[in-house]
């Protein structure tokens, strides 16, 4: 069995991304322009940090969720996150309230990073559309919030494989 579903952005993520990215690029232009006229260590650090942070979240963005016979694969631009089906202890939906973002993006390229809420506790998020979200918990206690098209089909397929 092989099931691969696209991670789609909701309109909030699209708006945030399409507004914030040009603003950050403009801020980078201003910082570099300022550095060319007068050296300032704060501007230098900001002009280095800004694109690094932007690139980090871009590379962490989930593009597909794929289910194979014994793996759940979260395709990211920076490489795949692979979770063994045998290690999945629990699967549920929806994610519910997001709570606190510990380190991550709350809309830029998706909801990406480390989050906390009362329902799940600490979890890693790779969500493009909250209405398509679900979460899994592994045997070692790690929790992941994901989203993809045909979420219910993916959840059912994972549950079928877990109960084998």
C-alpha atoms as a PDB file:
ATOM      1  CA  UNK A   1       0.000   0.000   0.000  1.00  0.00           C
ATOM      2  CA  UNK A   2       1.261   3.437  -0.902  1.00  0.00           C
ATOM      3  CA  UNK A   3      -0.792   6.564  -0.210  1.00  0.00           C
ATOM      4  CA  UNK A   4       0.656  10.020  -0.881  1.00  0.00           C
ATOM      5  CA  UNK A   5      -1.316  13.188  -0.114  1.00  0.00           C
ATOM      6  CA  UNK A   6      -0.436  16.841  -0.738  1.00  0.00           C
ATOM      7  CA  UNK A   7      -0.139  19.315   2.127  1.00  0.00           C
ATOM      8  CA  UNK A   8      -2.204  22.333   1.076  1.00  0.00           C
ATOM      9  CA  UNK A   9      -2.115  25.793   2.626  1.00  0.00           C
ATOM     10  CA  UNK A  10      -5.286  27.389   3.931  1.00  0.00           C
ATOM     11  CA  UNK A  11      -6.014  31.021   3.042  1.00  0.00           C
ATOM     12  CA  UNK A  12      -4.509  32.316   6.300  1.00  0.00           C
ATOM     13  CA  UNK A  13      -1.166  30.672   5.554  1.00  0.00           C
ATOM     14  CA  UNK A  14      -1.257  31.956   1.975  1.00  0.00           C
ATOM     15  CA  UNK A  15      -1.967  35.536   3.060  1.00  0.00           C
ATOM     16  CA  UNK A  16       0.668  35.504   5.818  1.00  0.00           C
ATOM     17  CA  UNK A  17       3.296  33.991   3.525  1.00  0.00           C
ATOM     18  CA  UNK A  18       2.575  36.273   0.560  1.00  0.00           C
ATOM     19  CA  UNK A  19       2.660  39.376   2.769  1.00  0.00           C
ATOM     20  CA  UNK A  20       5.515  38.520   5.122  1.00  0.00           C
ATOM     21  CA  UNK A  21       8.023  37.207   2.549  1.00  0.00           C
ATOM     22  CA  UNK A  22       8.100  40.432   0.472  1.00  0.00           C
ATOM     23  CA  UNK A  23       8.234  42.510   3.671  1.00  0.00           C
ATOM     24  CA  UNK A  24      11.188  40.482   4.939  1.00  0.00           C
ATOM     25  CA  UNK A  25      12.913  40.782   1.582  1.00  0.00           C
ATOM     26  CA  UNK A  26      12.406  44.555   1.666  1.00  0.00           C
ATOM     27  CA  UNK A  27      13.725  44.686   5.246  1.00  0.00           C
ATOM     28  CA  UNK A  28      16.785  42.726   4.095  1.00  0.00           C
ATOM     29  CA  UNK A  29      17.333  45.198   1.257  1.00  0.00           C
ATOM     30  CA  UNK A  30      17.163  48.118   3.709  1.00  0.00           C
ATOM     31  CA  UNK A  31      19.589  46.411   6.120  1.00  0.00           C
ATOM     32  CA  UNK A  32      22.132  45.712   3.385  1.00  0.00           C
ATOM     33  CA  UNK A  33      21.755  49.237   2.030  1.00  0.00           C
ATOM     34  CA  UNK A  34      22.357  50.617   5.523  1.00  0.00           C
ATOM     35  CA  UNK A  35      25.435  48.416   5.929  1.00  0.00           C
ATOM     36  CA  UNK A  36      26.876  49.741   2.678  1.00  0.00           C
ATOM     37  CA  UNK A  37      26.628  53.302   3.978  1.00  0.00           C
ATOM     38  CA  UNK A  38      27.627  52.741   7.595  1.00  0.00           C
ATOM     39  CA  UNK A  39      28.794  49.563   9.292  1.00  0.00           C
ATOM     40  CA  UNK A  40      26.693  48.524  12.260  1.00  0.00           C
ATOM     41  CA  UNK A  41      27.055  45.163  14.032  1.00  0.00           C
ATOM     42  CA  UNK A  42      23.318  44.942  14.800  1.00  0.00           C
ATOM     43  CA  UNK A  43      22.422  45.514  11.146  1.00  0.00           C
ATOM     44  CA  UNK A  44      25.031  42.960  10.114  1.00  0.00           C
ATOM     45  CA  UNK A  45      23.625  40.319  12.469  1.00  0.00           C
ATOM     46  CA  UNK A  46      20.061  41.100  11.398  1.00  0.00           C
ATOM     47  CA  UNK A  47      20.983  40.969   7.712  1.00  0.00           C
ATOM     48  CA  UNK A  48      22.494  37.513   8.255  1.00  0.00           C
ATOM     49  CA  UNK A  49      19.797  36.216  10.606  1.00  0.00           C
ATOM     50  CA  UNK A  50      16.780  37.273   8.585  1.00  0.00           C
ATOM     51  CA  UNK A  51      17.458  35.128   5.496  1.00  0.00           C
ATOM     52  CA  UNK A  52      18.691  32.233   7.654  1.00  0.00           C
ATOM     53  CA  UNK A  53      15.405  32.149   9.582  1.00  0.00           C
ATOM     54  CA  UNK A  54      13.365  32.510   6.411  1.00  0.00           C
ATOM     55  CA  UNK A  55      15.301  29.688   4.730  1.00  0.00           C
ATOM     56  CA  UNK A  56      14.980  27.458   7.817  1.00  0.00           C
ATOM     57  CA  UNK A  57      11.180  27.643   7.816  1.00  0.00           C
ATOM     58  CA  UNK A  58      11.013  27.232   4.051  1.00  0.00           C
ATOM     59  CA  UNK A  59      13.087  24.042   4.275  1.00  0.00           C
ATOM     60  CA  UNK A  60      10.996  22.687   7.188  1.00  0.00           C
ATOM     61  CA  UNK A  61       7.735  23.142   5.282  1.00  0.00           C
ATOM     62  CA  UNK A  62       5.846  19.891   4.668  1.00  0.00           C
ATOM     63  CA  UNK A  63       4.892  19.231   1.049  1.00  0.00           C
ATOM     64  CA  UNK A  64       3.431  15.704   1.158  1.00  0.00           C
ATOM     65  CA  UNK A  65       2.384  13.081   3.687  1.00  0.00           C
ATOM     66  CA  UNK A  66       3.041   9.574   2.431  1.00  0.00           C
ATOM     67  CA  UNK A  67       2.004   6.269   3.916  1.00  0.00           C
ATOM     68  CA  UNK A  68       3.849   3.130   2.880  1.00  0.00           C
ATOM     69  CA  UNK A  69       3.481  -0.398   4.196  1.00  0.00           C
ATOM     70  CA  UNK A  70       5.522   0.312   7.325  1.00  0.00           C
ATOM     71  CA  UNK A  71       6.348   4.038   7.326  1.00  0.00           C
ATOM     72  CA  UNK A  72       4.678   7.401   7.587  1.00  0.00           C
ATOM     73  CA  UNK A  73       6.814   9.856   5.643  1.00  0.00           C
ATOM     74  CA  UNK A  74       6.524  13.621   5.985  1.00  0.00           C
ATOM     75  CA  UNK A  75       8.121  15.063   2.868  1.00  0.00           C
ATOM     76  CA  UNK A  76       9.857  18.371   3.543  1.00  0.00           C
ATOM     77  CA  UNK A  77      12.014  20.488   1.303  1.00  0.00           C
ATOM     78  CA  UNK A  78      14.972  19.696   3.602  1.00  0.00           C
ATOM     79  CA  UNK A  79      14.503  15.968   3.621  1.00  0.00           C
ATOM     80  CA  UNK A  80      11.968  13.545   4.898  1.00  0.00           C
ATOM     81  CA  UNK A  81      10.839  12.837   8.431  1.00  0.00           C
ATOM     82  CA  UNK A  82      10.188   9.103   8.641  1.00  0.00           C
ATOM     83  CA  UNK A  83       8.039   7.556  11.359  1.00  0.00           C
ATOM     84  CA  UNK A  84       7.684   3.799  11.649  1.00  0.00           C
ATOM     85  CA  UNK A  85       4.048   2.656  11.591  1.00  0.00           C
ATOM     86  CA  UNK A  86       4.855   0.163  14.369  1.00  0.00           C
ATOM     87  CA  UNK A  87       5.960   3.055  16.599  1.00  0.00           C
ATOM     88  CA  UNK A  88       2.633   4.917  16.298  1.00  0.00           C
ATOM     89  CA  UNK A  89       0.723   4.547  19.549  1.00  0.00           C
ATOM     90  CA  UNK A  90      -2.143   6.953  18.980  1.00  0.00           C
ATOM     91  CA  UNK A  91      -3.720   8.907  16.132  1.00  0.00           C
ATOM     92  CA  UNK A  92      -6.449  11.480  16.483  1.00  0.00           C
ATOM     93  CA  UNK A  93      -7.968  14.623  14.987  1.00  0.00           C
ATOM     94  CA  UNK A  94      -8.335  17.547  14.968  1.00  0.00           C
ATOM     95  CA  UNK A  95      -5.392  19.230  16.610  1.00  0.00           C
ATOM     96  CA  UNK A  96      -7.704  21.753  18.294  1.00  0.00           C
ATOM     97  CA  UNK A  97      -6.394  24.910  19.914  1.00  0.00           C
ATOM     98  CA  UNK A  98      -2.784  25.626  19.126  1.00  0.00           C
ATOM     99  CA  UNK A  99      -1.850  27.197  22.427  1.00  0.00           C
ATOM    100  CA  UNK A 100       1.738  28.327  22.677  1.00  0.00           C
ATOM    101  CA  UNK A 101       4.336  28.400  19.918  1.00  0.00           C
ATOM    102  CA  UNK A 102       7.619  27.447  21.623  1.00  0.00           C
ATOM    103  CA  UNK A 103       9.733  27.743  18.478  1.00  0.00           C
ATOM    104  CA  UNK A 104       8.192  27.944  15.081  1.00  0.00           C
ATOM    105  CA  UNK A 105       6.094  29.692  12.527  1.00  0.00           C
ATOM    106  CA  UNK A 106       2.451  30.495  13.123  1.00  0.00           C
ATOM    107  CA  UNK A 107       1.536  30.852   9.473  1.00  0.00           C
ATOM    108  CA  UNK A 108       4.664  31.620   7.462  1.00  0.00           C
ATOM    109  CA  UNK A 109       4.965  28.577   5.131  1.00  0.00           C
ATOM    110  CA  UNK A 110       2.471  26.826   7.425  1.00  0.00           C
ATOM    111  CA  UNK A 111       2.298  26.096  11.120  1.00  0.00           C
ATOM    112  CA  UNK A 112       5.782  24.686  11.557  1.00  0.00           C
ATOM    113  CA  UNK A 113       7.883  24.019  14.633  1.00  0.00           C
ATOM    114  CA  UNK A 114       7.529  23.111  18.277  1.00  0.00           C
ATOM    115  CA  UNK A 115       4.183  23.967  19.872  1.00  0.00           C
ATOM    116  CA  UNK A 116       2.382  23.268  23.142  1.00  0.00           C
ATOM    117  CA  UNK A 117      -1.283  22.911  24.022  1.00  0.00           C
ATOM    118  CA  UNK A 118      -3.192  21.344  26.910  1.00  0.00           C
ATOM    119  CA  UNK A 119      -4.762  18.594  24.802  1.00  0.00           C
ATOM    120  CA  UNK A 120      -1.531  17.227  23.302  1.00  0.00           C
ATOM    121  CA  UNK A 121       1.324  18.735  25.326  1.00  0.00           C
ATOM    122  CA  UNK A 122       4.516  19.490  23.372  1.00  0.00           C
ATOM    123  CA  UNK A 123       4.341  18.540  19.707  1.00  0.00           C
ATOM    124  CA  UNK A 124       6.082  19.123  16.386  1.00  0.00           C
ATOM    125  CA  UNK A 125       3.837  20.703  13.789  1.00  0.00           C
ATOM    126  CA  UNK A 126       3.916  20.323  10.012  1.00  0.00           C
ATOM    127  CA  UNK A 127       0.503  21.800   9.177  1.00  0.00           C
ATOM    128  CA  UNK A 128      -0.556  23.706   6.080  1.00  0.00           C
ATOM    129  CA  UNK A 129      -4.288  23.742   6.762  1.00  0.00           C
ATOM    130  CA  UNK A 130      -5.690  23.406  10.281  1.00  0.00           C
ATOM    131  CA  UNK A 131      -9.012  22.047   9.044  1.00  0.00           C
ATOM    132  CA  UNK A 132      -7.134  19.069   7.541  1.00  0.00           C
ATOM    133  CA  UNK A 133      -5.029  18.463  10.651  1.00  0.00           C
ATOM    134  CA  UNK A 134      -4.515  15.389  12.804  1.00  0.00           C
ATOM    135  CA  UNK A 135      -1.897  14.291  15.278  1.00  0.00           C
ATOM    136  CA  UNK A 136       0.012  11.145  16.049  1.00  0.00           C
ATOM    137  CA  UNK A 137       1.873  10.001  19.112  1.00  0.00           C
ATOM    138  CA  UNK A 138       4.726   7.511  18.942  1.00  0.00           C
ATOM    139  CA  UNK A 139       5.775   4.875  21.467  1.00  0.00           C
ATOM    140  CA  UNK A 140       8.690   7.059  22.613  1.00  0.00           C
ATOM    141  CA  UNK A 141       6.272   9.896  23.470  1.00  0.00           C
ATOM    142  CA  UNK A 142       6.963  12.169  20.491  1.00  0.00           C
ATOM    143  CA  UNK A 143       3.898  13.880  19.085  1.00  0.00           C
ATOM    144  CA  UNK A 144       3.420  15.268  15.593  1.00  0.00           C
ATOM    145  CA  UNK A 145       0.646  17.427  14.198  1.00  0.00           C
ATOM    146  CA  UNK A 146       0.190  16.975  10.451  1.00  0.00           C
ATOM    147  CA  UNK A 147      -2.209  17.976   7.723  1.00  0.00           C
ATOM    148  CA  UNK A 148      -2.899  16.756   4.242  1.00  0.00           C
ATOM    149  CA  UNK A 149      -5.644  16.333   1.705  1.00  0.00           C
ATOM    150  CA  UNK A 150      -7.969  13.381   2.376  1.00  0.00           C
ATOM    151  CA  UNK A 151      -7.021  13.402   6.056  1.00  0.00           C
ATOM    152  CA  UNK A 152      -9.731  10.898   6.989  1.00  0.00           C
ATOM    153  CA  UNK A 153      -8.466   8.408   4.398  1.00  0.00           C
ATOM    154  CA  UNK A 154      -4.898   8.731   5.724  1.00  0.00           C
ATOM    155  CA  UNK A 155      -6.038   8.327   9.343  1.00  0.00           C
ATOM    156  CA  UNK A 156      -8.090   5.246   8.472  1.00  0.00           C
ATOM    157  CA  UNK A 157      -5.182   3.709   6.539  1.00  0.00           C
ATOM    158  CA  UNK A 158      -2.801   4.300   9.474  1.00  0.00           C
ATOM    159  CA  UNK A 159      -5.313   2.849  11.946  1.00  0.00           C
ATOM    160  CA  UNK A 160      -5.725  -0.214   9.724  1.00  0.00           C
ATOM    161  CA  UNK A 161      -1.970  -0.739   9.665  1.00  0.00           C
ATOM    162  CA  UNK A 162      -1.607  -0.209  13.416  1.00  0.00           C
ATOM    163  CA  UNK A 163      -4.208  -2.888  14.199  1.00  0.00           C
ATOM    164  CA  UNK A 164      -2.608  -5.509  11.906  1.00  0.00           C
END
